[in-house]
Amino acid sequence: MLYWALIFFVVAIIAAVFGFGGIASASAGIAQILFFIFLVLFVVALIARAMRGSP
């Protein structure tokens, strides 16, 4: 998921450089949503691992 967020971020940067503001803002929004979903899932996985007591 982090990979896709990075891809959309790169697309947003390239679109912004070439002047496509709508595509750039849409791609940046998608990248931001995917990144926050990744963060939430990462924190949930860390908490689940800590609760299980695995080393």
N, C-alpha and C. Protein backbone atom coordinates (compact mmCIF):
# COMPACT_ATOMS: atom_id res chain seq x y z
N MET A 1 0.83 -1.19 0.00
CA MET A 1 0.00 0.00 0.00
C MET A 1 0.87 1.26 0.00
N LEU A 2 1.96 1.18 0.72
CA LEU A 2 2.89 2.31 0.74
C LEU A 2 3.48 2.53 -0.66
N TYR A 3 3.66 1.45 -1.38
CA TYR A 3 4.17 1.53 -2.76
C TYR A 3 3.21 2.34 -3.63
N TRP A 4 1.90 2.05 -3.52
CA TRP A 4 0.92 2.77 -4.33
C TRP A 4 0.83 4.23 -3.92
N ALA A 5 0.96 4.51 -2.64
CA ALA A 5 0.96 5.90 -2.20
C ALA A 5 2.14 6.65 -2.82
N LEU A 6 3.29 6.01 -2.87
CA LEU A 6 4.46 6.63 -3.47
C LEU A 6 4.27 6.84 -4.98
N ILE A 7 3.65 5.88 -5.65
CA ILE A 7 3.38 6.01 -7.08
C ILE A 7 2.46 7.20 -7.35
N PHE A 8 1.38 7.33 -6.57
CA PHE A 8 0.46 8.44 -6.77
C PHE A 8 1.13 9.78 -6.44
N PHE A 9 2.03 9.77 -5.47
CA PHE A 9 2.76 10.99 -5.13
C PHE A 9 3.66 11.42 -6.28
N VAL A 10 4.34 10.47 -6.89
CA VAL A 10 5.21 10.77 -8.03
C VAL A 10 4.38 11.27 -9.21
N VAL A 11 3.23 10.65 -9.44
CA VAL A 11 2.34 11.11 -10.51
C VAL A 11 1.89 12.54 -10.24
N ALA A 12 1.58 12.85 -8.98
CA ALA A 12 1.16 14.20 -8.63
C ALA A 12 2.27 15.21 -8.88
N ILE A 13 3.49 14.86 -8.55
CA ILE A 13 4.62 15.77 -8.77
C ILE A 13 4.83 16.00 -10.27
N ILE A 14 4.80 14.92 -11.04
CA ILE A 14 5.01 15.05 -12.48
C ILE A 14 3.89 15.88 -13.11
N ALA A 15 2.65 15.64 -12.70
CA ALA A 15 1.52 16.40 -13.24
C ALA A 15 1.62 17.87 -12.85
N ALA A 16 2.09 18.16 -11.66
CA ALA A 16 2.24 19.55 -11.23
C ALA A 16 3.32 20.26 -12.04
N VAL A 17 4.39 19.55 -12.34
CA VAL A 17 5.48 20.14 -13.12
C VAL A 17 4.99 20.52 -14.52
N PHE A 18 4.14 19.67 -15.10
CA PHE A 18 3.64 19.94 -16.44
C PHE A 18 2.39 20.81 -16.46
N GLY A 19 1.91 21.24 -15.29
CA GLY A 19 0.82 22.19 -15.23
C GLY A 19 -0.58 21.60 -15.19
N PHE A 20 -0.69 20.33 -14.94
CA PHE A 20 -2.01 19.70 -14.82
C PHE A 20 -2.45 19.73 -13.35
N GLY A 21 -3.04 20.84 -12.95
CA GLY A 21 -3.38 21.04 -11.55
C GLY A 21 -4.43 20.09 -11.02
N GLY A 22 -5.44 19.80 -11.84
CA GLY A 22 -6.51 18.90 -11.39
C GLY A 22 -6.02 17.49 -11.16
N ILE A 23 -5.24 17.00 -12.09
CA ILE A 23 -4.69 15.65 -11.95
C ILE A 23 -3.72 15.60 -10.78
N ALA A 24 -2.94 16.65 -10.62
CA ALA A 24 -1.96 16.69 -9.53
C ALA A 24 -2.66 16.67 -8.17
N SER A 25 -3.71 17.45 -8.02
CA SER A 25 -4.39 17.49 -6.72
C SER A 25 -5.13 16.19 -6.45
N ALA A 26 -5.70 15.58 -7.48
CA ALA A 26 -6.38 14.30 -7.29
C ALA A 26 -5.39 13.20 -6.90
N SER A 27 -4.26 13.16 -7.58
CA SER A 27 -3.24 12.15 -7.26
C SER A 27 -2.66 12.37 -5.87
N ALA A 28 -2.46 13.62 -5.50
CA ALA A 28 -1.94 13.90 -4.16
C ALA A 28 -2.95 13.50 -3.10
N GLY A 29 -4.22 13.72 -3.36
CA GLY A 29 -5.26 13.32 -2.42
C GLY A 29 -5.32 11.82 -2.24
N ILE A 30 -5.24 11.09 -3.35
CA ILE A 30 -5.24 9.63 -3.29
C ILE A 30 -4.01 9.12 -2.53
N ALA A 31 -2.86 9.72 -2.82
CA ALA A 31 -1.63 9.32 -2.13
C ALA A 31 -1.75 9.57 -0.63
N GLN A 32 -2.34 10.69 -0.25
CA GLN A 32 -2.49 11.01 1.17
C GLN A 32 -3.43 10.01 1.85
N ILE A 33 -4.53 9.67 1.21
CA ILE A 33 -5.46 8.70 1.79
C ILE A 33 -4.80 7.34 1.96
N LEU A 34 -4.10 6.88 0.93
CA LEU A 34 -3.42 5.59 1.00
C LEU A 34 -2.36 5.58 2.09
N PHE A 35 -1.65 6.69 2.25
CA PHE A 35 -0.61 6.76 3.28
C PHE A 35 -1.22 6.67 4.67
N PHE A 36 -2.34 7.37 4.90
CA PHE A 36 -2.96 7.32 6.22
C PHE A 36 -3.57 5.95 6.51
N ILE A 37 -4.10 5.28 5.48
CA ILE A 37 -4.59 3.91 5.67
C ILE A 37 -3.43 3.00 6.04
N PHE A 38 -2.29 3.17 5.36
CA PHE A 38 -1.10 2.39 5.69
C PHE A 38 -0.68 2.62 7.14
N LEU A 39 -0.68 3.89 7.59
CA LEU A 39 -0.29 4.18 8.96
C LEU A 39 -1.22 3.52 9.97
N VAL A 40 -2.52 3.59 9.71
CA VAL A 40 -3.49 2.98 10.62
C VAL A 40 -3.27 1.47 10.70
N LEU A 41 -3.12 0.83 9.55
CA LEU A 41 -2.90 -0.62 9.55
C LEU A 41 -1.58 -0.99 10.21
N PHE A 42 -0.56 -0.17 10.03
CA PHE A 42 0.73 -0.43 10.66
C PHE A 42 0.63 -0.35 12.19
N VAL A 43 -0.06 0.66 12.69
CA VAL A 43 -0.23 0.81 14.13
C VAL A 43 -1.06 -0.33 14.70
N VAL A 44 -2.11 -0.73 14.00
CA VAL A 44 -2.93 -1.85 14.45
C VAL A 44 -2.10 -3.13 14.50
N ALA A 45 -1.26 -3.34 13.50
CA ALA A 45 -0.40 -4.53 13.49
C ALA A 45 0.59 -4.50 14.64
N LEU A 46 1.15 -3.32 14.94
CA LEU A 46 2.08 -3.22 16.07
C LEU A 46 1.39 -3.50 17.40
N ILE A 47 0.20 -2.97 17.55
CA ILE A 47 -0.55 -3.21 18.80
C ILE A 47 -0.93 -4.67 18.92
N ALA A 48 -1.37 -5.27 17.83
CA ALA A 48 -1.74 -6.71 17.86
C ALA A 48 -0.54 -7.56 18.20
N ARG A 49 0.60 -7.21 17.67
CA ARG A 49 1.81 -7.99 17.98
C ARG A 49 2.21 -7.82 19.44
N ALA A 50 2.08 -6.61 19.97
CA ALA A 50 2.42 -6.36 21.38
C ALA A 50 1.45 -7.09 22.31
N MET A 51 0.20 -7.14 21.94
CA MET A 51 -0.80 -7.84 22.77
C MET A 51 -0.57 -9.34 22.78
N ARG A 52 -0.10 -9.87 21.66
CA ARG A 52 0.16 -11.31 21.58
C ARG A 52 1.36 -11.71 22.42
N GLY A 53 2.27 -10.80 22.60
CA GLY A 53 3.46 -11.09 23.39
C GLY A 53 4.57 -11.74 22.59
N SER A 54 4.54 -11.61 21.29
CA SER A 54 5.58 -12.20 20.45
C SER A 54 6.84 -11.34 20.54
N PRO A 55 7.98 -11.99 20.55
CA PRO A 55 9.24 -11.21 20.61
C PRO A 55 9.60 -10.60 19.29
